[in-house]
Amino acid sequence: MHLITLRDWSSKAVEEIIDGTLEIKKSPEDYEFCVEGKSLAMIFQKTSTRTRLSFEVAMTQLGGHAVYMDWRSTNLVLADLGDETKSISGYVDGIMARVLKNSELQAMTQASSVPVINGCDEKYHPCQIIADLATIKEKKGKLKGLKLAYIGVHNNICNSLIEGCTKAGVNITTVTPVVNEASVDESLVEEAKGTGLYHKSLDVKAAVEDADVVYTDTWVDMEFFLDSKFKKEKEKRIKTMLPYQVNKKLLAGNGDALIMHDMPIHRGYEISADIIDSPNSVIYTQSENRLHSAKSILKKLLG
């Protein structure tokens, strides 16, 4: 069993992994030897803070061992991806890979003899969304029937939120004036529409008015934020997206909504500093829960 996208998992499986996250957070001592003697290869093609820390610490606290592998310093840059993956899976009990293209993950799953976990690609970020949904349930006491407004660029986070929310019974409205072309998944959107839980709008005020959760993300992917070649597109996006910034003015009519952001945050762009630090913000709880959700994922796939 792999975790490449939540689309491949049943609603029941998604619910179990969310509940497992909260149970492990509540009683971590009960899971200290859950993956004892097992090893996880962590392959990184792009930068990471939370994904690396959450999985490495999770393996340690569950009694296992994690091996960090920088894509650029391995033979993954030189040889056939399938051959290298077959070799790697002969050493470890699982592979967590953070890559630039979903197609590379798909190739790895075909070659691997052990579970492969998507640590983020250009289309999906399922590990983040498991932590997000667990955070919402932790704070609100439930998921079914809640309303989430996602405001930002339609990207990998947006895709996985659509998948996760519709699996968990959460109504999701996306306000996405800009679309990352590399993230487009038309069949995902069509499936989501069929659930009756997914809606798309450009009316940002209406979207947040009765939302239980307001979620935003960076307007420019991390690999492009400091790239001089992306400067013109970055400036264009900022101009387009500034009216959709999550700030006090936008949230003036809704004082109860949880504020979420998967990080890294660009203060003053997609979200104002005062909202990040407001009592409604659960951003750092959301970040912490990446550790507990990583444990829940590892327990299910390796335990």
Protein backbone atom coordinates (compact mmCIF):
# COMPACT_ATOMS: atom_id res chain seq x y z
CA MET A 1 0.00 0.00 0.00
CA HIS A 2 1.34 3.43 -0.99
CA LEU A 3 0.33 7.00 -0.11
CA ILE A 4 0.69 9.03 -3.29
CA THR A 5 -2.67 10.78 -3.22
CA LEU A 6 -5.68 10.58 -0.88
CA ARG A 7 -7.77 9.84 -3.95
CA ASP A 8 -6.52 6.25 -3.81
CA TRP A 9 -7.74 5.82 -0.23
CA SER A 10 -11.29 5.16 0.95
CA SER A 11 -13.13 7.60 3.19
CA LYS A 12 -12.85 5.04 5.98
CA ALA A 13 -9.07 4.78 5.57
CA VAL A 14 -8.72 8.58 5.60
CA GLU A 15 -10.87 8.80 8.73
CA GLU A 16 -8.81 6.09 10.45
CA ILE A 17 -5.51 7.83 9.72
CA ILE A 18 -6.90 11.14 11.05
CA ASP A 19 -8.20 9.52 14.24
CA GLY A 20 -4.90 7.66 14.55
CA THR A 21 -3.07 10.99 14.42
CA LEU A 22 -5.05 12.34 17.38
CA GLU A 23 -4.75 9.11 19.36
CA ILE A 24 -0.96 9.03 18.91
CA LYS A 25 -0.74 12.68 19.92
CA LYS A 26 -2.74 11.93 23.06
CA SER A 27 -0.78 8.82 24.08
CA PRO A 28 2.61 8.78 22.31
CA GLU A 29 4.07 6.36 24.85
CA ASP A 30 1.75 3.62 23.57
CA TYR A 31 3.46 3.66 20.17
CA GLU A 32 7.16 3.82 21.13
CA PHE A 33 8.01 0.48 19.48
CA CYS A 34 5.52 0.61 16.62
CA VAL A 35 8.16 0.36 13.86
CA GLU A 36 10.99 -1.05 15.93
CA GLY A 37 13.83 -2.35 13.77
CA LYS A 38 12.46 -0.76 10.60
CA SER A 39 14.08 1.86 8.36
CA LEU A 40 12.72 4.63 6.15
CA ALA A 41 14.59 6.14 3.19
CA MET A 42 13.76 9.84 2.95
CA ILE A 43 14.54 11.13 -0.54
CA PHE A 44 14.52 14.90 -1.11
CA GLN A 45 14.66 16.53 -4.52
CA LYS A 46 13.59 19.91 -3.10
CA THR A 47 13.89 21.82 0.16
CA SER A 48 11.99 20.88 3.30
CA THR A 49 11.53 21.84 6.93
CA ARG A 50 8.39 20.14 8.26
CA THR A 51 8.36 17.06 6.05
CA ARG A 52 11.92 16.10 6.89
CA LEU A 53 11.62 16.83 10.61
CA SER A 54 8.23 15.18 11.02
CA PHE A 55 9.19 11.90 9.37
CA GLU A 56 12.70 11.69 10.81
CA VAL A 57 11.54 12.40 14.37
CA ALA A 58 8.49 10.17 13.90
CA MET A 59 10.64 7.18 12.91
CA THR A 60 12.91 7.78 15.91
CA GLN A 61 10.05 8.11 18.39
CA LEU A 62 8.35 5.00 16.98
CA GLY A 63 11.53 2.97 17.49
CA GLY A 64 12.70 2.95 13.88
CA HIS A 65 15.44 4.64 11.84
CA ALA A 66 15.29 7.24 9.06
CA VAL A 67 17.96 7.79 6.41
CA TYR A 68 18.11 11.23 4.75
CA MET A 69 19.04 11.16 1.04
CA ASP A 70 19.66 14.33 -0.98
CA TRP A 71 18.61 13.47 -4.55
CA ARG A 72 21.50 15.54 -5.98
CA SER A 73 24.16 13.67 -4.03
CA THR A 74 22.93 10.18 -5.01
CA ASN A 75 22.95 8.23 -8.25
CA LEU A 76 19.31 9.14 -8.74
CA VAL A 77 20.65 12.02 -10.85
CA LEU A 78 22.66 9.64 -13.05
CA ALA A 79 20.81 6.36 -13.42
CA ASP A 80 17.41 4.94 -14.28
CA LEU A 81 14.90 5.87 -11.56
CA GLY A 82 13.33 2.42 -11.57
CA ASP A 83 16.68 0.67 -11.14
CA GLU A 84 17.70 2.94 -8.28
CA THR A 85 14.32 2.58 -6.55
CA LYS A 86 14.49 -1.21 -6.76
CA SER A 87 17.91 -1.06 -5.16
CA ILE A 88 16.84 1.36 -2.41
CA SER A 89 13.77 -0.71 -1.53
CA GLY A 90 16.05 -3.67 -0.91
CA TYR A 91 17.62 -1.83 2.04
CA VAL A 92 14.60 -0.27 3.76
CA ASP A 93 11.01 -0.93 4.82
CA GLY A 94 9.58 2.23 3.28
CA ILE A 95 10.41 5.20 1.06
CA MET A 96 9.24 8.78 1.61
CA ALA A 97 10.04 10.98 -1.37
CA ARG A 98 9.66 14.74 -1.85
CA VAL A 99 10.03 15.36 -5.57
CA LEU A 100 9.34 17.89 -8.29
CA LYS A 101 7.12 15.70 -10.47
CA ASN A 102 4.35 13.27 -9.64
CA SER A 103 5.47 11.15 -12.60
CA GLU A 104 8.70 10.39 -10.71
CA LEU A 105 6.70 9.15 -7.73
CA GLN A 106 4.57 6.99 -10.00
CA ALA A 107 7.72 5.44 -11.45
CA MET A 108 9.02 4.79 -7.93
CA THR A 109 5.83 3.02 -6.85
CA GLN A 110 6.04 0.72 -9.89
CA ALA A 111 9.62 -0.24 -9.05
CA SER A 112 9.49 -0.35 -5.26
CA SER A 113 8.90 -3.51 -3.23
CA VAL A 114 8.06 -1.41 -0.14
CA PRO A 115 5.47 1.35 0.55
CA VAL A 116 6.15 4.73 -1.05
CA ILE A 117 4.91 7.92 0.65
CA ASN A 118 4.45 11.19 -1.20
CA GLY A 119 6.26 13.86 0.79
CA CYS A 120 5.07 16.49 -1.75
CA ASP A 121 5.09 16.87 -5.50
CA GLU A 122 3.69 19.43 -7.92
CA LYS A 123 0.20 17.88 -7.85
CA TYR A 124 -0.42 16.58 -4.33
CA HIS A 125 0.64 16.86 -0.69
CA PRO A 126 -1.41 14.20 1.15
CA CYS A 127 0.71 14.10 4.33
CA GLN A 128 0.04 17.80 4.93
CA ILE A 129 -3.70 17.41 4.50
CA ILE A 130 -3.92 14.49 6.95
CA ALA A 131 -2.33 16.76 9.57
CA ASP A 132 -4.67 19.60 8.56
CA LEU A 133 -7.84 17.53 8.90
CA ALA A 134 -6.62 16.13 12.22
CA THR A 135 -6.07 19.72 13.43
CA ILE A 136 -9.58 20.73 12.41
CA LYS A 137 -11.10 17.72 14.16
CA GLU A 138 -8.97 18.37 17.25
CA LYS A 139 -10.21 21.96 17.46
CA LYS A 140 -13.80 21.60 16.22
CA GLY A 141 -14.57 18.11 17.53
CA LYS A 142 -15.77 16.86 14.15
CA LEU A 143 -15.25 17.10 10.40
CA LYS A 144 -18.51 16.16 8.71
CA GLY A 145 -20.66 19.15 7.91
CA LEU A 146 -17.96 21.77 8.47
CA LYS A 147 -17.17 24.41 5.84
CA LEU A 148 -13.63 25.20 4.70
CA ALA A 149 -12.68 28.12 2.45
CA TYR A 150 -9.37 27.82 0.62
CA ILE A 151 -8.08 31.16 -0.67
CA GLY A 152 -5.01 31.28 -2.86
CA VAL A 153 -3.44 29.68 -5.91
CA HIS A 154 -4.89 26.40 -7.14
CA ASN A 155 -1.87 24.21 -6.43
CA ASN A 156 -0.91 20.85 -4.92
CA ILE A 157 -2.25 21.84 -1.49
CA CYS A 158 -5.56 22.86 -3.04
CA ASN A 159 -5.82 19.51 -4.86
CA SER A 160 -5.14 17.49 -1.74
CA LEU A 161 -7.51 19.63 0.33
CA ILE A 162 -10.25 18.92 -2.21
CA GLU A 163 -9.48 15.20 -1.97
CA GLY A 164 -9.23 15.14 1.81
CA CYS A 165 -12.28 17.31 2.52
CA THR A 166 -14.58 15.40 0.19
CA LYS A 167 -13.39 12.11 1.71
CA ALA A 168 -14.01 13.42 5.24
CA GLY A 169 -17.39 15.05 4.59
CA VAL A 170 -16.15 18.65 4.77
CA ASN A 171 -17.68 21.25 2.43
CA ILE A 172 -14.86 23.03 0.61
CA THR A 173 -15.03 26.23 -1.41
CA THR A 174 -11.93 27.24 -3.36
CA VAL A 175 -11.22 30.86 -4.27
CA THR A 176 -8.35 30.56 -6.74
CA PRO A 177 -7.87 33.43 -9.22
CA VAL A 178 -4.52 31.90 -10.27
CA VAL A 179 -3.92 28.27 -11.26
CA ASN A 180 -0.57 26.47 -11.27
CA GLU A 181 -0.71 24.76 -14.65
CA ALA A 182 1.52 21.93 -13.41
CA SER A 183 -1.01 21.17 -10.67
CA VAL A 184 -4.06 20.82 -12.89
CA ASP A 185 -6.00 17.58 -12.35
CA GLU A 186 -9.31 17.88 -14.18
CA SER A 187 -10.52 14.39 -13.28
CA LEU A 188 -10.00 15.16 -9.57
CA VAL A 189 -12.15 18.29 -9.87
CA GLU A 190 -14.90 16.41 -11.74
CA GLU A 191 -14.96 13.67 -9.10
CA ALA A 192 -15.12 16.27 -6.33
CA LYS A 193 -18.04 18.06 -7.99
CA GLY A 194 -19.93 14.76 -7.96
CA THR A 195 -19.78 14.61 -4.18
CA GLY A 196 -21.71 17.86 -3.77
CA LEU A 197 -19.10 19.01 -1.24
CA TYR A 198 -16.85 20.96 -3.60
CA HIS A 199 -17.58 24.48 -4.82
CA LYS A 200 -15.54 27.05 -6.71
CA SER A 201 -15.97 30.83 -6.43
CA LEU A 202 -14.22 34.16 -6.88
CA ASP A 203 -16.42 35.86 -4.27
CA VAL A 204 -13.94 35.78 -1.42
CA LYS A 205 -16.17 37.64 1.05
CA ALA A 206 -19.02 35.17 0.56
CA ALA A 207 -16.64 32.21 0.83
CA VAL A 208 -15.33 33.21 4.26
CA GLU A 209 -18.60 34.59 5.63
CA ASP A 210 -19.82 31.35 7.21
CA ALA A 211 -16.65 29.27 6.95
CA ASP A 212 -15.51 27.20 9.93
CA VAL A 213 -11.98 27.19 8.54
CA VAL A 214 -10.13 29.69 6.34
CA TYR A 215 -7.03 28.21 4.73
CA THR A 216 -4.37 29.90 2.62
CA ASP A 217 -1.02 29.02 1.07
CA THR A 218 1.92 30.67 -0.65
CA TRP A 219 1.21 32.35 -3.98
CA VAL A 220 4.56 31.20 -5.40
CA ASP A 221 5.92 27.68 -4.92
CA MET A 222 9.05 27.43 -2.78
CA GLU A 223 11.29 26.38 -5.66
CA PHE A 224 10.40 29.57 -7.55
CA PHE A 225 10.08 32.20 -4.79
CA LEU A 226 13.72 33.31 -4.98
CA ASP A 227 14.25 32.36 -8.65
CA SER A 228 15.13 35.45 -10.74
CA LYS A 229 13.68 33.73 -13.84
CA PHE A 230 10.29 33.68 -12.12
CA LYS A 231 10.41 37.35 -11.14
CA LYS A 232 7.87 38.64 -13.68
CA GLU A 233 5.39 35.87 -12.89
CA LYS A 234 5.87 36.47 -9.16
CA GLU A 235 5.11 40.20 -9.57
CA LYS A 236 2.07 39.38 -11.71
CA ARG A 237 0.74 36.94 -9.11
CA ILE A 238 1.22 39.38 -6.24
CA LYS A 239 -0.75 42.05 -8.12
CA THR A 240 -3.55 39.60 -8.91
CA MET A 241 -3.70 37.99 -5.47
CA LEU A 242 -3.34 40.96 -3.09
CA PRO A 243 -7.12 41.58 -3.04
CA TYR A 244 -7.45 37.99 -1.75
CA GLN A 245 -5.03 38.35 1.16
CA VAL A 246 -6.29 36.78 4.40
CA ASN A 247 -6.40 39.75 6.77
CA LYS A 248 -8.59 41.45 9.40
CA LYS A 249 -10.69 43.26 6.82
CA LEU A 250 -11.54 40.03 5.00
CA LEU A 251 -12.41 38.22 8.23
CA ALA A 252 -14.31 41.09 9.84
CA GLY A 253 -17.65 39.28 9.51
CA ASN A 254 -16.42 35.94 10.83
CA GLY A 255 -14.72 35.92 14.22
CA ASP A 256 -14.91 32.15 14.81
CA ALA A 257 -13.12 30.64 11.82
CA LEU A 258 -9.90 28.72 12.35
CA ILE A 259 -7.02 30.22 10.36
CA MET A 260 -4.72 27.73 8.64
CA HIS A 261 -1.57 27.84 6.51
CA ASP A 262 0.63 24.85 5.68
CA MET A 263 3.86 26.92 5.74
CA PRO A 264 6.34 28.27 4.73
CA ILE A 265 4.56 31.60 5.24
CA HIS A 266 5.33 34.78 3.36
CA ARG A 267 4.09 37.42 5.81
CA GLY A 268 2.38 40.36 4.20
CA TYR A 269 1.62 38.45 1.02
CA GLU A 270 -1.00 35.70 1.29
CA ILE A 271 -1.67 36.47 4.96
CA SER A 272 -1.13 39.44 7.26
CA ALA A 273 1.08 39.18 10.33
CA ASP A 274 -1.69 40.03 12.78
CA ILE A 275 -3.83 37.13 11.52
CA ILE A 276 -0.92 34.68 11.78
CA ASP A 277 -0.54 35.58 15.45
CA SER A 278 -4.27 35.93 16.23
CA PRO A 279 -6.12 33.69 18.74
CA ASN A 280 -7.96 32.01 15.83
CA SER A 281 -4.74 30.92 14.17
CA VAL A 282 -3.94 27.20 14.51
CA ILE A 283 -1.00 27.39 12.11
CA TYR A 284 1.62 26.20 14.60
CA THR A 285 -0.64 23.45 15.95
CA GLN A 286 -1.14 22.44 12.33
CA SER A 287 2.65 22.33 11.94
CA GLU A 288 3.14 20.30 15.13
CA ASN A 289 0.53 17.82 13.98
CA ARG A 290 2.71 16.95 11.00
CA LEU A 291 4.74 14.89 13.48
CA HIS A 292 1.73 13.01 14.82
CA SER A 293 0.25 12.47 11.36
CA ALA A 294 3.62 11.16 10.12
CA LYS A 295 3.50 8.63 12.95
CA SER A 296 -0.03 7.61 12.00
CA ILE A 297 0.99 7.17 8.36
CA LEU A 298 4.08 5.15 9.28
CA LYS A 299 2.08 2.99 11.69
CA LYS A 300 -0.40 2.13 8.94
CA LEU A 301 2.14 1.50 6.18
CA LEU A 302 5.13 0.11 8.10
CA GLY A 303 3.81 -0.89 11.54
